[in-house]
Amino acid sequence: MIRTLGACVAAVCLILVLQASPARAGGPAGTPYVDGISDQSLPAWDGDFSESYFARLFSAVWVRGGHIRLARYVAQWDLMREASGGANSHGDYHEKLEAWLTDVGSLGLVPEIALTSYDGVYPQTLGEYQTRLSELLDLARAMGHPVRYVEAWNEPNGQGAQTAAHAAQLTNSAAALCAQEAYDCTVVAGNLLDGPGVGAYEQEYERALDFRPTIWGVHPYYSVELESEAPLQSFIENLPGGGAGERIWFTEVAAHACTDFGGRLVDNGELGQDRRTRWLVDTLMRNRKPEHVFYYAFLLSERRQPGCAGEPEDDALYQPSAAPGTPDAPRPAASYIWDGQAGALAAECGEPLSYTRAPDGRAVAIAWSSPGEATGFSLPVLANGCTTLTGASTATFIP
């Protein structure tokens, strides 16, 4: 439900800074809300992270509010063979990673790196793989943003296109590297798509590991699209000990508006995307208690619009504005990913991420600051269901 703010909003859309809000109670082993971002587009939000309106909103609302603490990037495995002219969100694989490390570092987020192949070229030997990974980790350390978590290969039973045995060998190589004192990183094993056959794949993968993973990653796209726990259960029940006591991370997940997990056209719509994010938070996360959850993605790069018309990615939480320096509009699912509370979209104005209908019909996000916390330009905000003006709190503009 999207509320009307009325006269409070003039022609200019306002996005406001907030204080952290209390989180919904959850199980001791699980996060009650999405606390990680897996977004390749981050360095190119609104064209350039350093000039992005959404980057300032994301920092003020999602990061400073205490929700997003980790950031994940799926990197070309051999990007270090490329020469670099420095961080560049529009450059080669190497330069894009430097841009991502710089921007994530500026946000104070904990970095996690997964490797893959985007160009169809794969490591010829385990030695070659380990050398390229070590060079990548060295780069991150030299930039002052050491990688804390490593996924040896992204979604090997899906996008990554690896046999279970070879995926395990890559994981063994990454684990041996992370065990070195110079790197001190932790390997997140698996990172499997919860698609058909995941159980058998996981068993073969686990048998070929030469160490006991402390964290298992999974991409529950099938579960979210079908709104069924069965696909994820197939992964969990084939973990060592049937998954009992294992630390599980949802290292990548999203709810789609117009495509299914196979990229086929469906008609979920934004309300269908919203319903699936609610199911993700209220059912799947509540019942399975993942330690961390990374959402893919928040905003597409270069002001690309999410949707089915010429754009295969329709899972973004925000739609870019038409003009630089103006607010990017949240889709209905964004509010639920924010706090995961039932009825969040119908909450009072005190909700940390509320909505108003702009003159053009798009939703605009609003966050509320506590009394006395405002800086810069301020004005009284609406309270009591957005119907009565009060000076009890103030709204702070992000410049």
Protein backbone atom coordinates (compact mmCIF):
# COMPACT_ATOMS: atom_id res chain seq x y z
CA MET A 1 0.00 0.00 0.00
CA ILE A 2 1.39 3.41 -0.99
CA ARG A 3 0.19 6.40 0.99
CA THR A 4 -0.40 9.95 -0.18
CA LEU A 5 1.53 12.63 1.66
CA GLY A 6 -0.35 15.52 0.11
CA ALA A 7 0.81 19.06 0.65
CA CYS A 8 3.90 18.01 2.59
CA VAL A 9 5.74 17.30 -0.67
CA ALA A 10 6.29 20.06 -3.19
CA ALA A 11 7.51 19.65 -6.73
CA VAL A 12 10.88 18.43 -5.49
CA CYS A 13 10.99 14.85 -4.14
CA LEU A 14 12.57 14.57 -0.70
CA ILE A 15 14.71 11.72 0.60
CA LEU A 16 15.54 11.94 4.28
CA VAL A 17 18.16 10.65 6.73
CA LEU A 18 17.11 8.29 9.51
CA GLN A 19 18.21 6.90 12.81
CA ALA A 20 18.48 3.13 13.22
CA SER A 21 15.20 1.40 13.93
CA PRO A 22 14.68 -1.62 16.15
CA ALA A 23 14.83 -4.87 14.25
CA ARG A 24 12.18 -7.55 14.35
CA ALA A 25 13.10 -10.28 16.78
CA GLY A 26 14.44 -13.44 15.18
CA GLY A 27 16.11 -16.72 16.04
CA PRO A 28 19.55 -16.54 17.65
CA ALA A 29 21.26 -18.00 14.58
CA GLY A 30 19.52 -15.93 11.94
CA THR A 31 19.30 -12.36 10.70
CA PRO A 32 15.78 -10.88 10.92
CA TYR A 33 16.25 -8.78 7.78
CA VAL A 34 18.40 -8.60 4.68
CA ASP A 35 21.84 -7.46 5.87
CA GLY A 36 23.97 -7.87 2.76
CA ILE A 37 24.05 -6.44 -0.75
CA SER A 38 25.12 -8.43 -3.82
CA ASP A 39 25.07 -5.80 -6.53
CA GLN A 40 27.49 -5.62 -9.46
CA SER A 41 26.07 -2.22 -10.37
CA LEU A 42 27.08 -0.40 -7.18
CA PRO A 43 30.08 1.52 -8.62
CA ALA A 44 27.90 2.75 -11.51
CA TRP A 45 24.76 3.68 -9.59
CA ASP A 46 23.23 6.69 -11.35
CA GLY A 47 26.23 6.56 -13.68
CA ASP A 48 28.90 7.13 -11.02
CA PHE A 49 28.86 6.16 -7.33
CA SER A 50 30.71 9.30 -6.21
CA GLU A 51 28.00 11.51 -7.74
CA SER A 52 25.04 9.20 -7.20
CA TYR A 53 22.00 10.40 -5.32
CA PHE A 54 21.13 6.80 -4.53
CA ALA A 55 24.60 6.17 -3.09
CA ARG A 56 23.96 8.93 -0.54
CA LEU A 57 20.51 7.52 0.21
CA PHE A 58 21.90 4.00 0.55
CA SER A 59 24.63 5.19 2.92
CA ALA A 60 22.25 7.22 5.06
CA VAL A 61 19.29 4.85 5.15
CA TRP A 62 20.50 1.30 4.59
CA VAL A 63 24.06 1.42 5.96
CA ARG A 64 23.94 4.07 8.68
CA GLY A 65 20.61 2.62 9.75
CA GLY A 66 22.49 -0.57 10.65
CA HIS A 67 20.85 -2.93 8.19
CA ILE A 68 23.38 -3.56 5.43
CA ARG A 69 26.74 -4.67 6.83
CA LEU A 70 28.23 -6.88 4.13
CA ALA A 71 28.80 -6.44 0.40
CA ARG A 72 29.35 -9.17 -2.19
CA TYR A 73 30.90 -8.97 -5.65
CA VAL A 74 31.14 -11.67 -8.31
CA ALA A 75 34.47 -11.06 -10.04
CA GLN A 76 36.00 -12.38 -13.25
CA TRP A 77 38.44 -14.99 -11.92
CA ASP A 78 41.46 -13.82 -13.98
CA LEU A 79 40.86 -10.06 -13.87
CA MET A 80 44.35 -9.47 -12.49
CA ARG A 81 45.84 -10.28 -15.91
CA GLU A 82 44.38 -6.96 -17.10
CA ALA A 83 46.32 -3.73 -16.77
CA SER A 84 44.66 -1.13 -14.57
CA GLY A 85 44.58 2.62 -14.90
CA GLY A 86 42.90 2.88 -11.50
CA ALA A 87 39.38 2.45 -10.15
CA ASN A 88 36.87 2.92 -12.94
CA SER A 89 33.24 1.78 -12.87
CA HIS A 90 33.24 1.84 -16.69
CA GLY A 91 36.61 0.17 -17.18
CA ASP A 92 37.76 -3.43 -17.56
CA TYR A 93 37.13 -6.19 -15.02
CA HIS A 94 40.19 -5.17 -13.00
CA GLU A 95 39.27 -1.49 -12.85
CA LYS A 96 35.64 -2.26 -12.01
CA LEU A 97 36.74 -4.36 -9.03
CA GLU A 98 38.97 -1.52 -7.82
CA ALA A 99 36.00 0.83 -8.10
CA TRP A 100 33.82 -1.59 -6.13
CA LEU A 101 36.43 -2.05 -3.39
CA THR A 102 36.83 1.73 -3.12
CA ASP A 103 33.11 2.39 -2.88
CA VAL A 104 32.34 -0.46 -0.51
CA GLY A 105 35.27 0.65 1.64
CA SER A 106 33.85 4.17 1.79
CA LEU A 107 30.60 2.69 3.10
CA GLY A 108 32.42 0.68 5.78
CA LEU A 109 30.96 -2.63 4.57
CA VAL A 110 32.63 -6.02 4.98
CA PRO A 111 33.67 -7.29 1.51
CA GLU A 112 32.99 -10.77 0.17
CA ILE A 113 34.30 -11.89 -3.22
CA ALA A 114 33.05 -14.73 -5.43
CA LEU A 115 34.86 -15.77 -8.60
CA THR A 116 33.33 -16.77 -11.92
CA SER A 117 33.87 -16.61 -15.67
CA TYR A 118 31.90 -14.11 -17.72
CA ASP A 119 33.83 -14.64 -20.96
CA GLY A 120 33.84 -18.43 -21.23
CA VAL A 121 37.52 -18.71 -20.24
CA TYR A 122 38.18 -20.97 -17.24
CA PRO A 123 41.26 -21.85 -15.16
CA GLN A 124 43.36 -24.51 -16.88
CA THR A 125 44.98 -25.67 -13.64
CA LEU A 126 44.33 -25.29 -9.93
CA GLY A 127 47.67 -23.52 -9.68
CA GLU A 128 46.55 -20.91 -12.18
CA TYR A 129 43.31 -20.41 -10.27
CA GLN A 130 45.08 -20.02 -6.94
CA THR A 131 47.61 -17.57 -8.36
CA ARG A 132 44.87 -15.32 -9.74
CA LEU A 133 42.92 -15.47 -6.49
CA SER A 134 46.00 -14.60 -4.44
CA GLU A 135 46.70 -11.62 -6.73
CA LEU A 136 43.13 -10.41 -6.22
CA LEU A 137 43.40 -10.75 -2.43
CA ASP A 138 46.75 -8.92 -2.52
CA LEU A 139 45.13 -6.07 -4.45
CA ALA A 140 42.35 -5.73 -1.88
CA ARG A 141 44.86 -5.67 0.99
CA ALA A 142 47.02 -3.08 -0.79
CA MET A 143 43.95 -0.88 -1.23
CA GLY A 144 43.17 -1.13 2.49
CA HIS A 145 40.02 -3.21 1.99
CA PRO A 146 41.00 -6.83 2.72
CA VAL A 147 38.50 -9.47 1.63
CA ARG A 148 37.02 -11.19 4.67
CA TYR A 149 35.01 -13.89 2.90
CA VAL A 150 35.72 -15.80 -0.31
CA GLU A 151 33.46 -17.92 -2.49
CA ALA A 152 35.69 -20.09 -4.63
CA TRP A 153 33.22 -20.11 -7.52
CA ASN A 154 29.83 -18.50 -7.95
CA GLU A 155 26.86 -20.83 -8.33
CA PRO A 156 28.81 -23.74 -9.86
CA ASN A 157 25.62 -25.71 -10.57
CA GLY A 158 24.08 -22.72 -12.35
CA GLN A 159 25.75 -19.58 -13.71
CA GLY A 160 29.23 -20.90 -12.85
CA ALA A 161 28.82 -24.09 -14.94
CA GLN A 162 31.20 -26.43 -13.09
CA THR A 163 31.02 -30.10 -12.21
CA ALA A 164 30.62 -30.81 -8.51
CA ALA A 165 34.06 -32.40 -8.31
CA HIS A 166 35.82 -29.49 -9.99
CA ALA A 167 33.90 -26.93 -7.93
CA ALA A 168 35.11 -28.73 -4.81
CA GLN A 169 38.72 -28.65 -6.06
CA LEU A 170 38.48 -24.90 -6.55
CA THR A 171 37.02 -24.58 -3.05
CA ASN A 172 39.89 -26.62 -1.61
CA SER A 173 42.37 -24.29 -3.34
CA ALA A 174 40.64 -21.19 -1.99
CA ALA A 175 40.53 -22.66 1.52
CA ALA A 176 44.27 -23.42 1.44
CA LEU A 177 44.96 -19.84 0.42
CA CYS A 178 42.67 -18.32 3.04
CA ALA A 179 44.36 -20.43 5.72
CA GLN A 180 47.56 -18.50 5.17
CA GLU A 181 48.19 -15.85 7.80
CA ALA A 182 48.73 -13.18 5.16
CA TYR A 183 45.11 -13.46 3.98
CA ASP A 184 43.11 -14.63 7.00
CA CYS A 185 39.88 -15.00 5.05
CA THR A 186 37.05 -17.48 5.44
CA VAL A 187 35.73 -19.61 2.61
CA VAL A 188 31.97 -19.77 2.12
CA ALA A 189 31.43 -23.20 0.56
CA GLY A 190 28.80 -24.27 -1.92
CA ASN A 191 26.92 -21.16 -3.06
CA LEU A 192 24.66 -23.46 -5.00
CA LEU A 193 21.45 -22.65 -6.80
CA ASP A 194 18.54 -24.44 -5.11
CA GLY A 195 17.39 -25.86 -8.44
CA PRO A 196 16.54 -29.41 -9.50
CA GLY A 197 19.30 -31.87 -8.64
CA VAL A 198 20.93 -29.64 -6.01
CA GLY A 199 20.89 -32.42 -3.40
CA ALA A 200 22.88 -34.90 -5.47
CA TYR A 201 25.25 -32.15 -6.63
CA GLU A 202 25.85 -31.03 -3.05
CA GLN A 203 26.63 -34.59 -1.90
CA GLU A 204 29.22 -35.11 -4.64
CA TYR A 205 30.69 -31.68 -3.95
CA GLU A 206 30.95 -32.27 -0.21
CA ARG A 207 32.64 -35.67 -0.65
CA ALA A 208 35.39 -34.04 -2.73
CA LEU A 209 36.22 -31.36 -0.14
CA ASP A 210 39.40 -31.86 1.90
CA PHE A 211 38.32 -29.58 4.76
CA ARG A 212 35.20 -29.02 6.86
CA PRO A 213 33.52 -25.75 5.82
CA THR A 214 32.39 -23.42 8.59
CA ILE A 215 29.87 -21.61 6.35
CA TRP A 216 27.65 -22.89 3.53
CA GLY A 217 26.16 -20.56 0.92
CA VAL A 218 23.02 -21.07 -1.16
CA HIS A 219 21.02 -19.07 -3.71
CA PRO A 220 17.34 -19.82 -2.95
CA TYR A 221 15.92 -18.37 -6.16
CA TYR A 222 13.68 -21.37 -6.82
CA SER A 223 12.27 -21.29 -3.29
CA VAL A 224 11.41 -17.59 -3.51
CA GLU A 225 9.87 -17.77 -6.97
CA LEU A 226 7.77 -20.82 -6.07
CA GLU A 227 7.14 -19.59 -2.50
CA SER A 228 8.07 -23.07 -1.34
CA GLU A 229 10.69 -24.25 1.14
CA ALA A 230 11.12 -27.56 -0.69
CA PRO A 231 13.97 -26.47 -3.04
CA LEU A 232 16.02 -25.06 -0.16
CA GLN A 233 15.23 -28.10 1.97
CA SER A 234 16.78 -30.32 -0.71
CA PHE A 235 20.03 -28.39 -0.28
CA ILE A 236 19.95 -28.33 3.52
CA GLU A 237 19.11 -31.99 4.10
CA ASN A 238 22.12 -33.04 2.02
CA LEU A 239 24.59 -30.99 4.06
CA PRO A 240 26.74 -32.84 6.60
CA GLY A 241 24.53 -34.07 9.43
CA GLY A 242 21.44 -33.10 7.50
CA GLY A 243 22.34 -29.45 8.00
CA ALA A 244 21.98 -29.57 11.80
CA GLY A 245 24.08 -26.83 13.37
CA GLU A 246 25.49 -25.63 10.04
CA ARG A 247 25.95 -21.90 9.41
CA ILE A 248 23.98 -21.08 6.26
CA TRP A 249 24.15 -17.86 4.28
CA PHE A 250 21.84 -16.82 1.47
CA THR A 251 24.75 -15.43 -0.55
CA GLU A 252 22.46 -14.28 -3.36
CA VAL A 253 18.68 -14.03 -3.63
CA ALA A 254 16.09 -11.80 -5.23
CA ALA A 255 12.41 -11.61 -6.01
CA HIS A 256 11.51 -11.06 -9.66
CA ALA A 257 8.74 -8.93 -11.06
CA CYS A 258 8.46 -10.39 -14.55
CA THR A 259 10.82 -13.35 -15.00
CA ASP A 260 11.16 -16.67 -13.23
CA PHE A 261 14.36 -18.35 -12.02
CA GLY A 262 15.08 -19.52 -15.58
CA GLY A 263 14.64 -16.08 -17.11
CA ARG A 264 11.31 -17.01 -18.67
CA LEU A 265 8.68 -14.31 -18.89
CA VAL A 266 6.05 -14.43 -16.15
CA ASP A 267 3.57 -11.85 -14.94
CA ASN A 268 4.40 -11.40 -11.26
CA GLY A 269 4.35 -7.61 -11.49
CA GLU A 270 5.68 -5.34 -8.76
CA LEU A 271 3.03 -6.61 -6.33
CA GLY A 272 4.12 -10.17 -7.08
CA GLN A 273 7.71 -9.15 -6.41
CA ASP A 274 6.57 -7.54 -3.16
CA ARG A 275 4.67 -10.67 -2.13
CA ARG A 276 7.76 -12.82 -2.72
CA THR A 277 10.00 -10.52 -0.69
CA ARG A 278 7.48 -10.79 2.14
CA TRP A 279 7.57 -14.57 1.85
CA LEU A 280 11.39 -14.51 1.79
CA VAL A 281 11.57 -12.53 5.02
CA ASP A 282 8.51 -13.76 6.89
CA THR A 283 8.64 -17.44 5.96
CA LEU A 284 11.92 -18.61 4.48
CA MET A 285 14.25 -16.53 6.63
CA ARG A 286 12.14 -16.96 9.76
CA ASN A 287 12.01 -20.74 9.41
CA ARG A 288 15.52 -21.43 8.09
CA LYS A 289 17.38 -18.73 10.05
CA PRO A 290 20.21 -17.90 7.63
CA GLU A 291 23.06 -16.08 9.33
CA HIS A 292 23.30 -13.50 6.54
CA VAL A 293 21.20 -12.68 3.47
CA PHE A 294 22.51 -10.81 0.39
CA TYR A 295 19.94 -9.23 -1.92
CA TYR A 296 20.59 -8.86 -5.65
CA ALA A 297 20.16 -6.06 -6.67
CA PHE A 298 19.25 -2.60 -5.35
CA LEU A 299 19.68 -0.34 -8.40
CA LEU A 300 20.78 -1.13 -11.93
CA SER A 301 23.74 0.75 -13.36
CA GLU A 302 23.67 3.63 -15.83
CA ARG A 303 20.05 4.53 -15.02
CA ARG A 304 18.79 1.33 -16.63
CA GLN A 305 15.16 0.66 -15.79
CA PRO A 306 14.26 -2.72 -14.26
CA GLY A 307 11.53 -4.51 -16.13
CA CYS A 308 10.75 -6.82 -19.00
CA ALA A 309 11.08 -4.41 -21.92
CA GLY A 310 14.61 -4.96 -23.18
CA GLU A 311 16.09 -5.49 -19.70
CA PRO A 312 16.63 -9.06 -18.45
CA GLU A 313 17.16 -7.99 -14.83
CA ASP A 314 13.88 -7.14 -13.15
CA ASP A 315 14.76 -7.80 -9.49
CA ALA A 316 16.09 -4.33 -8.55
CA LEU A 317 14.49 -2.67 -5.52
CA TYR A 318 14.70 0.87 -6.94
CA GLN A 319 13.94 2.54 -10.23
CA PRO A 320 16.39 5.22 -11.36
CA SER A 321 15.18 8.75 -11.80
CA ALA A 322 15.26 10.39 -15.20
CA ALA A 323 17.59 13.20 -14.16
CA PRO A 324 20.88 13.25 -12.20
CA GLY A 325 20.66 14.43 -8.61
CA THR A 326 16.98 13.56 -8.20
CA PRO A 327 15.59 10.75 -6.06
CA ASP A 328 15.52 7.19 -7.32
CA ALA A 329 12.13 5.67 -6.56
CA PRO A 330 11.70 2.48 -4.52
CA ARG A 331 9.54 -0.32 -5.80
CA PRO A 332 7.05 -1.75 -3.27
CA ALA A 333 9.41 -4.63 -2.39
CA ALA A 334 12.06 -2.23 -1.05
CA SER A 335 10.16 -1.45 2.15
CA TYR A 336 9.80 -5.11 3.03
CA ILE A 337 13.44 -5.87 2.39
CA TRP A 338 14.16 -2.93 4.71
CA ASP A 339 12.57 -4.22 7.91
CA GLY A 340 10.60 -7.35 7.11
CA GLN A 341 7.60 -6.42 9.23
CA ALA A 342 4.13 -7.48 8.26
CA GLY A 343 2.20 -4.48 6.96
CA ALA A 344 5.35 -2.39 6.55
CA LEU A 345 3.99 -0.69 3.47
CA ALA A 346 0.93 0.45 5.42
CA ALA A 347 2.89 1.72 8.41
CA GLU A 348 2.57 5.17 10.00
CA CYS A 349 4.85 8.03 9.03
CA GLY A 350 7.24 7.01 11.77
CA GLU A 351 8.22 3.96 9.72
CA PRO A 352 11.93 4.33 8.86
CA LEU A 353 11.19 3.84 5.17
CA SER A 354 7.77 5.15 4.23
CA TYR A 355 6.26 5.97 0.86
CA THR A 356 4.53 8.81 -0.88
CA ARG A 357 2.99 9.01 -4.32
CA ALA A 358 4.78 11.58 -6.47
CA PRO A 359 2.88 13.63 -9.08
CA ASP A 360 4.11 11.31 -11.84
CA GLY A 361 2.68 8.30 -10.01
CA ARG A 362 6.00 6.83 -8.89
CA ALA A 363 6.74 5.94 -5.27
CA VAL A 364 9.30 8.02 -3.39
CA ALA A 365 11.09 6.80 -0.27
CA ILE A 366 11.08 8.88 2.91
CA ALA A 367 13.06 8.22 6.09
CA TRP A 368 12.51 10.03 9.38
CA SER A 369 15.05 11.44 11.81
CA SER A 370 14.67 11.74 15.57
CA PRO A 371 14.08 15.13 17.25
CA GLY A 372 17.25 17.16 17.53
CA GLU A 373 19.12 15.04 15.01
CA ALA A 374 18.39 17.15 11.95
CA THR A 375 21.13 18.98 10.10
CA GLY A 376 20.92 21.36 7.17
CA PHE A 377 17.46 22.28 5.95
CA SER A 378 14.64 21.05 8.18
CA LEU A 379 10.88 21.27 8.41
CA PRO A 380 8.15 19.75 10.58
CA VAL A 381 7.03 16.35 9.32
CA LEU A 382 3.63 14.79 9.12
CA ALA A 383 2.61 12.30 11.80
CA ASN A 384 -0.57 10.55 12.88
CA GLY A 385 -1.08 8.74 9.61
CA CYS A 386 0.35 11.61 7.56
CA THR A 387 -2.65 13.82 8.29
CA THR A 388 -1.56 16.26 11.02
CA LEU A 389 1.46 18.55 11.01
CA THR A 390 3.61 18.37 14.12
CA GLY A 391 6.95 19.74 15.17
CA ALA A 392 7.81 16.69 17.26
CA SER A 393 10.42 15.51 14.77
CA THR A 394 12.22 16.90 11.78
CA ALA A 395 13.06 15.78 8.30
CA THR A 396 16.63 16.11 7.05
CA PHE A 397 17.43 16.59 3.41
CA ILE A 398 20.29 14.67 1.86
CA PRO A 399 22.12 17.44 -0.02
